[in-house]
Amino acid sequence: MEDGAKGKLKGFLHFYNATSGETVPSCDKHFTIRNAQVVCSELGFSSQNAYHWLTPQWSYNPKIRIVKTYMEPRECRGFEHSLEQCS
């Protein structure tokens, strides 16, 4: 997370895969605003003003090797306490 304009936090969602030792981006094209709200809550942030966008971010961290992703499609309803609880 980084501090954006006027104290707003922003960042890109990445997952750590303990099996491969890779940090990979969430590249689920079905990721929704409800998913973003659940992730914000899980990280201890307010979900009231959560937002998401889909865009390639290859320049965000050039040290990260983007080889593959491990994100399975998840559908949150908004009441879950973690992304793992989403179906």
PDB file of N, CA and C in Angstrom:
ATOM      1  N   MET A   1       0.837  -1.177   0.000  1.00  0.00           N
ATOM      2  CA  MET A   1       0.000   0.000   0.000  1.00  0.00           C
ATOM      3  C   MET A   1       0.880   1.236   0.000  1.00  0.00           C
ATOM      4  N   GLU A   2       0.446   2.211  -0.703  1.00  0.00           N
ATOM      5  CA  GLU A   2       1.156   3.478  -0.675  1.00  0.00           C
ATOM      6  C   GLU A   2       0.149   4.577  -0.435  1.00  0.00           C
ATOM      7  N   ASP A   3       0.606   5.650   0.150  1.00  0.00           N
ATOM      8  CA  ASP A   3      -0.257   6.774   0.462  1.00  0.00           C
ATOM      9  C   ASP A   3      -0.454   7.597  -0.797  1.00  0.00           C
ATOM     10  N   GLY A   4      -1.693   7.721  -1.220  1.00  0.00           N
ATOM     11  CA  GLY A   4      -2.013   8.514  -2.400  1.00  0.00           C
ATOM     12  C   GLY A   4      -2.382   9.928  -2.008  1.00  0.00           C
ATOM     13  N   ALA A   5      -3.039  10.627  -2.890  1.00  0.00           N
ATOM     14  CA  ALA A   5      -3.444  12.008  -2.651  1.00  0.00           C
ATOM     15  C   ALA A   5      -4.423  12.088  -1.484  1.00  0.00           C
ATOM     16  N   LYS A   6      -4.241  13.075  -0.645  1.00  0.00           N
ATOM     17  CA  LYS A   6      -5.139  13.360   0.475  1.00  0.00           C
ATOM     18  C   LYS A   6      -5.319  12.166   1.410  1.00  0.00           C
ATOM     19  N   GLY A   7      -4.255  11.405   1.637  1.00  0.00           N
ATOM     20  CA  GLY A   7      -4.307  10.314   2.597  1.00  0.00           C
ATOM     21  C   GLY A   7      -5.020   9.061   2.126  1.00  0.00           C
ATOM     22  N   LYS A   8      -5.377   8.986   0.853  1.00  0.00           N
ATOM     23  CA  LYS A   8      -6.035   7.787   0.338  1.00  0.00           C
ATOM     24  C   LYS A   8      -4.976   6.731   0.053  1.00  0.00           C
ATOM     25  N   LEU A   9      -5.256   5.512   0.455  1.00  0.00           N
ATOM     26  CA  LEU A   9      -4.318   4.415   0.216  1.00  0.00           C
ATOM     27  C   LEU A   9      -4.647   3.739  -1.104  1.00  0.00           C
ATOM     28  N   LYS A  10      -3.606   3.331  -1.812  1.00  0.00           N
ATOM     29  CA  LYS A  10      -3.816   2.633  -3.071  1.00  0.00           C
ATOM     30  C   LYS A  10      -2.723   1.597  -3.236  1.00  0.00           C
ATOM     31  N   GLY A  11      -2.981   0.624  -4.045  1.00  0.00           N
ATOM     32  CA  GLY A  11      -1.986  -0.407  -4.289  1.00  0.00           C
ATOM     33  C   GLY A  11      -2.519  -1.466  -5.219  1.00  0.00           C
ATOM     34  N   PHE A  12      -1.705  -2.466  -5.466  1.00  0.00           N
ATOM     35  CA  PHE A  12      -2.076  -3.561  -6.343  1.00  0.00           C
ATOM     36  C   PHE A  12      -2.125  -4.842  -5.526  1.00  0.00           C
ATOM     37  N   LEU A  13      -3.104  -5.661  -5.787  1.00  0.00           N
ATOM     38  CA  LEU A  13      -3.294  -6.894  -5.039  1.00  0.00           C
ATOM     39  C   LEU A  13      -2.414  -7.997  -5.619  1.00  0.00           C
ATOM     40  N   HIS A  14      -1.511  -8.499  -4.784  1.00  0.00           N
ATOM     41  CA  HIS A  14      -0.636  -9.606  -5.150  1.00  0.00           C
ATOM     42  C   HIS A  14      -0.797 -10.707  -4.109  1.00  0.00           C
ATOM     43  N   PHE A  15      -0.538 -11.929  -4.517  1.00  0.00           N
ATOM     44  CA  PHE A  15      -0.611 -13.068  -3.622  1.00  0.00           C
ATOM     45  C   PHE A  15       0.747 -13.738  -3.551  1.00  0.00           C
ATOM     46  N   TYR A  16       1.080 -14.249  -2.370  1.00  0.00           N
ATOM     47  CA  TYR A  16       2.316 -15.006  -2.208  1.00  0.00           C
ATOM     48  C   TYR A  16       1.980 -16.483  -2.297  1.00  0.00           C
ATOM     49  N   ASN A  17       2.629 -17.195  -3.193  1.00  0.00           N
ATOM     50  CA  ASN A  17       2.448 -18.631  -3.344  1.00  0.00           C
ATOM     51  C   ASN A  17       3.596 -19.315  -2.615  1.00  0.00           C
ATOM     52  N   ALA A  18       3.294 -19.909  -1.465  1.00  0.00           N
ATOM     53  CA  ALA A  18       4.339 -20.526  -0.643  1.00  0.00           C
ATOM     54  C   ALA A  18       4.969 -21.742  -1.315  1.00  0.00           C
ATOM     55  N   THR A  19       4.237 -22.408  -2.184  1.00  0.00           N
ATOM     56  CA  THR A  19       4.768 -23.586  -2.870  1.00  0.00           C
ATOM     57  C   THR A  19       5.887 -23.211  -3.828  1.00  0.00           C
ATOM     58  N   SER A  20       5.651 -22.175  -4.626  1.00  0.00           N
ATOM     59  CA  SER A  20       6.642 -21.776  -5.634  1.00  0.00           C
ATOM     60  C   SER A  20       7.565 -20.664  -5.151  1.00  0.00           C
ATOM     61  N   GLY A  21       7.175 -19.986  -4.061  1.00  0.00           N
ATOM     62  CA  GLY A  21       7.966 -18.864  -3.568  1.00  0.00           C
ATOM     63  C   GLY A  21       7.798 -17.612  -4.401  1.00  0.00           C
ATOM     64  N   GLU A  22       6.764 -17.568  -5.226  1.00  0.00           N
ATOM     65  CA  GLU A  22       6.532 -16.421  -6.099  1.00  0.00           C
ATOM     66  C   GLU A  22       5.470 -15.492  -5.524  1.00  0.00           C
ATOM     67  N   THR A  23       5.611 -14.228  -5.791  1.00  0.00           N
ATOM     68  CA  THR A  23       4.566 -13.255  -5.533  1.00  0.00           C
ATOM     69  C   THR A  23       3.940 -12.947  -6.877  1.00  0.00           C
ATOM     70  N   VAL A  24       2.645 -13.205  -6.983  1.00  0.00           N
ATOM     71  CA  VAL A  24       1.979 -13.050  -8.272  1.00  0.00           C
ATOM     72  C   VAL A  24       0.789 -12.112  -8.143  1.00  0.00           C
ATOM     73  N   PRO A  25       0.477 -11.380  -9.202  1.00  0.00           N
ATOM     74  CA  PRO A  25      -0.651 -10.454  -9.155  1.00  0.00           C
ATOM     75  C   PRO A  25      -1.977 -11.186  -9.262  1.00  0.00           C
ATOM     76  N   SER A  26      -3.004 -10.551  -8.748  1.00  0.00           N
ATOM     77  CA  SER A  26      -4.351 -11.051  -8.956  1.00  0.00           C
ATOM     78  C   SER A  26      -4.767 -10.609 -10.347  1.00  0.00           C
ATOM     79  N   CYS A  27      -4.926 -11.538 -11.234  1.00  0.00           N
ATOM     80  CA  CYS A  27      -5.297 -11.210 -12.614  1.00  0.00           C
ATOM     81  C   CYS A  27      -6.634 -11.825 -12.965  1.00  0.00           C
ATOM     82  N   ASP A  28      -7.546 -11.816 -12.021  1.00  0.00           N
ATOM     83  CA  ASP A  28      -8.870 -12.374 -12.248  1.00  0.00           C
ATOM     84  C   ASP A  28      -9.743 -11.305 -12.880  1.00  0.00           C
ATOM     85  N   LYS A  29     -10.118 -11.484 -14.139  1.00  0.00           N
ATOM     86  CA  LYS A  29     -10.925 -10.471 -14.824  1.00  0.00           C
ATOM     87  C   LYS A  29     -12.338 -10.397 -14.263  1.00  0.00           C
ATOM     88  N   HIS A  30     -12.705 -11.335 -13.400  1.00  0.00           N
ATOM     89  CA  HIS A  30     -14.026 -11.322 -12.779  1.00  0.00           C
ATOM     90  C   HIS A  30     -13.994 -10.727 -11.373  1.00  0.00           C
ATOM     91  N   PHE A  31     -12.860 -10.164 -10.974  1.00  0.00           N
ATOM     92  CA  PHE A  31     -12.727  -9.532  -9.662  1.00  0.00           C
ATOM     93  C   PHE A  31     -13.694  -8.350  -9.606  1.00  0.00           C
ATOM     94  N   THR A  32     -14.481  -8.257  -8.543  1.00  0.00           N
ATOM     95  CA  THR A  32     -15.533  -7.244  -8.463  1.00  0.00           C
ATOM     96  C   THR A  32     -15.273  -6.257  -7.329  1.00  0.00           C
ATOM     97  N   ILE A  33     -16.108  -5.247  -7.261  1.00  0.00           N
ATOM     98  CA  ILE A  33     -16.014  -4.264  -6.180  1.00  0.00           C
ATOM     99  C   ILE A  33     -16.271  -4.952  -4.840  1.00  0.00           C
ATOM    100  N   ARG A  34     -17.154  -5.934  -4.799  1.00  0.00           N
ATOM    101  CA  ARG A  34     -17.402  -6.666  -3.547  1.00  0.00           C
ATOM    102  C   ARG A  34     -16.152  -7.419  -3.105  1.00  0.00           C
ATOM    103  N   ASN A  35     -15.440  -8.003  -4.064  1.00  0.00           N
ATOM    104  CA  ASN A  35     -14.178  -8.668  -3.730  1.00  0.00           C
ATOM    105  C   ASN A  35     -13.209  -7.652  -3.134  1.00  0.00           C
ATOM    106  N   ALA A  36     -13.125  -6.473  -3.742  1.00  0.00           N
ATOM    107  CA  ALA A  36     -12.226  -5.424  -3.250  1.00  0.00           C
ATOM    108  C   ALA A  36     -12.606  -5.006  -1.834  1.00  0.00           C
ATOM    109  N   GLN A  37     -13.897  -4.903  -1.548  1.00  0.00           N
ATOM    110  CA  GLN A  37     -14.347  -4.529  -0.207  1.00  0.00           C
ATOM    111  C   GLN A  37     -13.932  -5.578   0.821  1.00  0.00           C
ATOM    112  N   VAL A  38     -14.064  -6.847   0.474  1.00  0.00           N
ATOM    113  CA  VAL A  38     -13.676  -7.924   1.392  1.00  0.00           C
ATOM    114  C   VAL A  38     -12.175  -7.886   1.646  1.00  0.00           C
ATOM    115  N   VAL A  39     -11.378  -7.680   0.599  1.00  0.00           N
ATOM    116  CA  VAL A  39      -9.923  -7.613   0.764  1.00  0.00           C
ATOM    117  C   VAL A  39      -9.545  -6.433   1.650  1.00  0.00           C
ATOM    118  N   CYS A  40     -10.147  -5.274   1.436  1.00  0.00           N
ATOM    119  CA  CYS A  40      -9.847  -4.109   2.278  1.00  0.00           C
ATOM    120  C   CYS A  40     -10.172  -4.399   3.739  1.00  0.00           C
ATOM    121  N   SER A  41     -11.325  -4.999   3.991  1.00  0.00           N
ATOM    122  CA  SER A  41     -11.702  -5.344   5.366  1.00  0.00           C
ATOM    123  C   SER A  41     -10.727  -6.344   5.970  1.00  0.00           C
ATOM    124  N   GLU A  42     -10.329  -7.340   5.176  1.00  0.00           N
ATOM    125  CA  GLU A  42      -9.396  -8.358   5.660  1.00  0.00           C
ATOM    126  C   GLU A  42      -8.054  -7.738   6.043  1.00  0.00           C
ATOM    127  N   LEU A  43      -7.646  -6.698   5.333  1.00  0.00           N
ATOM    128  CA  LEU A  43      -6.376  -6.023   5.618  1.00  0.00           C
ATOM    129  C   LEU A  43      -6.500  -4.968   6.714  1.00  0.00           C
ATOM    130  N   GLY A  44      -7.719  -4.788   7.250  1.00  0.00           N
ATOM    131  CA  GLY A  44      -7.913  -3.840   8.339  1.00  0.00           C
ATOM    132  C   GLY A  44      -8.240  -2.428   7.894  1.00  0.00           C
ATOM    133  N   PHE A  45      -8.606  -2.266   6.626  1.00  0.00           N
ATOM    134  CA  PHE A  45      -8.956  -0.947   6.108  1.00  0.00           C
ATOM    135  C   PHE A  45     -10.462  -0.845   5.935  1.00  0.00           C
ATOM    136  N   SER A  46     -10.951   0.373   5.862  1.00  0.00           N
ATOM    137  CA  SER A  46     -12.368   0.591   5.607  1.00  0.00           C
ATOM    138  C   SER A  46     -12.711   0.111   4.206  1.00  0.00           C
ATOM    139  N   SER A  47     -13.843  -0.542   4.085  1.00  0.00           N
ATOM    140  CA  SER A  47     -14.274  -1.000   2.766  1.00  0.00           C
ATOM    141  C   SER A  47     -15.280  -0.045   2.140  1.00  0.00           C
ATOM    142  N   GLN A  48     -15.619   1.005   2.872  1.00  0.00           N
ATOM    143  CA  GLN A  48     -16.643   1.937   2.410  1.00  0.00           C
ATOM    144  C   GLN A  48     -16.275   2.598   1.082  1.00  0.00           C
ATOM    145  N   ASN A  49     -15.035   2.973   0.917  1.00  0.00           N
ATOM    146  CA  ASN A  49     -14.620   3.656  -0.304  1.00  0.00           C
ATOM    147  C   ASN A  49     -13.703   2.792  -1.167  1.00  0.00           C
ATOM    148  N   ALA A  50     -13.845   1.486  -1.061  1.00  0.00           N
ATOM    149  CA  ALA A  50     -13.020   0.576  -1.869  1.00  0.00           C
ATOM    150  C   ALA A  50     -13.392   0.715  -3.337  1.00  0.00           C
ATOM    151  N   TYR A  51     -12.406   0.570  -4.175  1.00  0.00           N
ATOM    152  CA  TYR A  51     -12.655   0.563  -5.622  1.00  0.00           C
ATOM    153  C   TYR A  51     -11.641  -0.357  -6.273  1.00  0.00           C
ATOM    154  N   HIS A  52     -11.922  -0.721  -7.478  1.00  0.00           N
ATOM    155  CA  HIS A  52     -10.986  -1.570  -8.214  1.00  0.00           C
ATOM    156  C   HIS A  52     -11.006  -1.172  -9.677  1.00  0.00           C
ATOM    157  N   TRP A  53      -9.942  -1.519 -10.347  1.00  0.00           N
ATOM    158  CA  TRP A  53      -9.883  -1.302 -11.787  1.00  0.00           C
ATOM    159  C   TRP A  53      -9.040  -2.409 -12.387  1.00  0.00           C
ATOM    160  N   LEU A  54      -9.277  -2.673 -13.631  1.00  0.00           N
ATOM    161  CA  LEU A  54      -8.530  -3.712 -14.336  1.00  0.00           C
ATOM    162  C   LEU A  54      -7.641  -3.046 -15.370  1.00  0.00           C
ATOM    163  N   THR A  55      -6.352  -3.197 -15.192  1.00  0.00           N
ATOM    164  CA  THR A  55      -5.396  -2.611 -16.123  1.00  0.00           C
ATOM    165  C   THR A  55      -4.074  -3.345 -15.987  1.00  0.00           C
ATOM    166  N   PRO A  56      -3.328  -3.486 -17.052  1.00  0.00           N
ATOM    167  CA  PRO A  56      -2.009  -4.101 -16.907  1.00  0.00           C
ATOM    168  C   PRO A  56      -1.067  -3.181 -16.148  1.00  0.00           C
ATOM    169  N   GLN A  57      -0.310  -3.716 -15.222  1.00  0.00           N
ATOM    170  CA  GLN A  57       0.628  -2.917 -14.430  1.00  0.00           C
ATOM    171  C   GLN A  57       1.999  -3.561 -14.466  1.00  0.00           C
ATOM    172  N   TRP A  58       2.529  -3.761 -15.647  1.00  0.00           N
ATOM    173  CA  TRP A  58       3.805  -4.435 -15.786  1.00  0.00           C
ATOM    174  C   TRP A  58       4.956  -3.625 -15.214  1.00  0.00           C
ATOM    175  N   SER A  59       4.813  -2.323 -15.105  1.00  0.00           N
ATOM    176  CA  SER A  59       5.911  -1.487 -14.623  1.00  0.00           C
ATOM    177  C   SER A  59       5.863  -1.254 -13.116  1.00  0.00           C
ATOM    178  N   TYR A  60       4.868  -1.790 -12.423  1.00  0.00           N
ATOM    179  CA  TYR A  60       4.718  -1.503 -10.998  1.00  0.00           C
ATOM    180  C   TYR A  60       5.955  -1.925 -10.218  1.00  0.00           C
ATOM    181  N   ASN A  61       6.422  -3.124 -10.394  1.00  0.00           N
ATOM    182  CA  ASN A  61       7.630  -3.586  -9.719  1.00  0.00           C
ATOM    183  C   ASN A  61       8.396  -4.490 -10.675  1.00  0.00           C
ATOM    184  N   PRO A  62       9.389  -3.958 -11.346  1.00  0.00           N
ATOM    185  CA  PRO A  62      10.100  -4.751 -12.352  1.00  0.00           C
ATOM    186  C   PRO A  62      10.862  -5.941 -11.777  1.00  0.00           C
ATOM    187  N   LYS A  63      11.037  -6.007 -10.460  1.00  0.00           N
ATOM    188  CA  LYS A  63      11.744  -7.136  -9.854  1.00  0.00           C
ATOM    189  C   LYS A  63      10.861  -8.377  -9.734  1.00  0.00           C
ATOM    190  N   ILE A  64       9.557  -8.188  -9.838  1.00  0.00           N
ATOM    191  CA  ILE A  64       8.641  -9.317  -9.731  1.00  0.00           C
ATOM    192  C   ILE A  64       8.564 -10.010 -11.086  1.00  0.00           C
ATOM    193  N   ARG A  65       8.867 -11.282 -11.083  1.00  0.00           N
ATOM    194  CA  ARG A  65       8.752 -12.074 -12.316  1.00  0.00           C
ATOM    195  C   ARG A  65       7.305 -12.500 -12.481  1.00  0.00           C
ATOM    196  N   ILE A  66       6.667 -11.994 -13.488  1.00  0.00           N
ATOM    197  CA  ILE A  66       5.284 -12.384 -13.735  1.00  0.00           C
ATOM    198  C   ILE A  66       5.308 -13.556 -14.708  1.00  0.00           C
ATOM    199  N   VAL A  67       5.180 -14.738 -14.166  1.00  0.00           N
ATOM    200  CA  VAL A  67       5.228 -15.943 -14.976  1.00  0.00           C
ATOM    201  C   VAL A  67       3.825 -16.507 -15.145  1.00  0.00           C
ATOM    202  N   LYS A  68       3.111 -16.619 -14.057  1.00  0.00           N
ATOM    203  CA  LYS A  68       1.758 -17.153 -14.081  1.00  0.00           C
ATOM    204  C   LYS A  68       1.025 -16.669 -12.847  1.00  0.00           C
ATOM    205  N   THR A  69      -0.265 -16.845 -12.831  1.00  0.00           N
ATOM    206  CA  THR A  69      -1.045 -16.465 -11.666  1.00  0.00           C
ATOM    207  C   THR A  69      -1.686 -17.714 -11.081  1.00  0.00           C
ATOM    208  N   TYR A  70      -2.043 -17.622  -9.822  1.00  0.00           N
ATOM    209  CA  TYR A  70      -2.643 -18.747  -9.127  1.00  0.00           C
ATOM    210  C   TYR A  70      -4.023 -18.397  -8.593  1.00  0.00           C
ATOM    211  N   MET A  71      -4.496 -17.234  -8.944  1.00  0.00           N
ATOM    212  CA  MET A  71      -5.779 -16.773  -8.435  1.00  0.00           C
ATOM    213  C   MET A  71      -6.913 -17.544  -9.094  1.00  0.00           C
ATOM    214  N   GLU A  72      -7.727 -18.176  -8.276  1.00  0.00           N
ATOM    215  CA  GLU A  72      -8.925 -18.819  -8.790  1.00  0.00           C
ATOM    216  C   GLU A  72     -10.047 -17.804  -8.704  1.00  0.00           C
ATOM    217  N   PRO A  73     -10.978 -17.836  -9.658  1.00  0.00           N
ATOM    218  CA  PRO A  73     -12.086 -16.875  -9.604  1.00  0.00           C
ATOM    219  C   PRO A  73     -12.843 -16.997  -8.286  1.00  0.00           C
ATOM    220  N   ARG A  74     -13.082 -15.895  -7.649  1.00  0.00           N
ATOM    221  CA  ARG A  74     -13.829 -15.850  -6.389  1.00  0.00           C
ATOM    222  C   ARG A  74     -14.976 -14.867  -6.556  1.00  0.00           C
ATOM    223  N   GLU A  75     -16.109 -15.199  -5.990  1.00  0.00           N
ATOM    224  CA  GLU A  75     -17.248 -14.295  -6.025  1.00  0.00           C
ATOM    225  C   GLU A  75     -17.651 -13.982  -4.594  1.00  0.00           C
ATOM    226  N   CYS A  76     -17.432 -12.746  -4.184  1.00  0.00           N
ATOM    227  CA  CYS A  76     -17.790 -12.320  -2.834  1.00  0.00           C
ATOM    228  C   CYS A  76     -19.162 -11.658  -2.860  1.00  0.00           C
ATOM    229  N   ARG A  77     -19.848 -11.775  -1.747  1.00  0.00           N
ATOM    230  CA  ARG A  77     -21.142 -11.102  -1.609  1.00  0.00           C
ATOM    231  C   ARG A  77     -21.016  -9.839  -0.773  1.00  0.00           C
ATOM    232  N   GLY A  78     -19.881  -9.685  -0.106  1.00  0.00           N
ATOM    233  CA  GLY A  78     -19.631  -8.470   0.654  1.00  0.00           C
ATOM    234  C   GLY A  78     -19.638  -8.648   2.157  1.00  0.00           C
ATOM    235  N   PHE A  79     -20.156  -9.751   2.662  1.00  0.00           N
ATOM    236  CA  PHE A  79     -20.230  -9.969   4.106  1.00  0.00           C
ATOM    237  C   PHE A  79     -19.110 -10.870   4.631  1.00  0.00           C
ATOM    238  N   GLU A  80     -18.314 -11.438   3.735  1.00  0.00           N
ATOM    239  CA  GLU A  80     -17.249 -12.354   4.139  1.00  0.00           C
ATOM    240  C   GLU A  80     -16.152 -11.610   4.901  1.00  0.00           C
ATOM    241  N   HIS A  81     -15.438 -12.332   5.765  1.00  0.00           N
ATOM    242  CA  HIS A  81     -14.352 -11.737   6.539  1.00  0.00           C
ATOM    243  C   HIS A  81     -13.007 -11.885   5.850  1.00  0.00           C
ATOM    244  N   SER A  82     -12.923 -12.774   4.854  1.00  0.00           N
ATOM    245  CA  SER A  82     -11.679 -12.947   4.106  1.00  0.00           C
ATOM    246  C   SER A  82     -12.005 -13.416   2.694  1.00  0.00           C
ATOM    247  N   LEU A  83     -11.068 -13.215   1.798  1.00  0.00           N
ATOM    248  CA  LEU A  83     -11.259 -13.621   0.403  1.00  0.00           C
ATOM    249  C   LEU A  83     -11.423 -15.135   0.291  1.00  0.00           C
ATOM    250  N   GLU A  84     -10.814 -15.882   1.203  1.00  0.00           N
ATOM    251  CA  GLU A  84     -10.934 -17.342   1.183  1.00  0.00           C
ATOM    252  C   GLU A  84     -12.362 -17.814   1.440  1.00  0.00           C
ATOM    253  N   GLN A  85     -13.172 -16.996   2.104  1.00  0.00           N
ATOM    254  CA  GLN A  85     -14.550 -17.369   2.392  1.00  0.00           C
ATOM    255  C   GLN A  85     -15.473 -17.159   1.195  1.00  0.00           C
ATOM    256  N   CYS A  86     -15.005 -16.464   0.190  1.00  0.00           N
ATOM    257  CA  CYS A  86     -15.817 -16.224  -1.003  1.00  0.00           C
ATOM    258  C   CYS A  86     -15.868 -17.494  -1.838  1.00  0.00           C
ATOM    259  N   SER A  87     -16.984 -17.689  -2.507  1.00  0.00           N
ATOM    260  CA  SER A  87     -17.135 -18.925  -3.292  1.00  0.00           C
ATOM    261  C   SER A  87     -16.555 -18.780  -4.682  1.00  0.00           C
TER     262      SER A  87
END
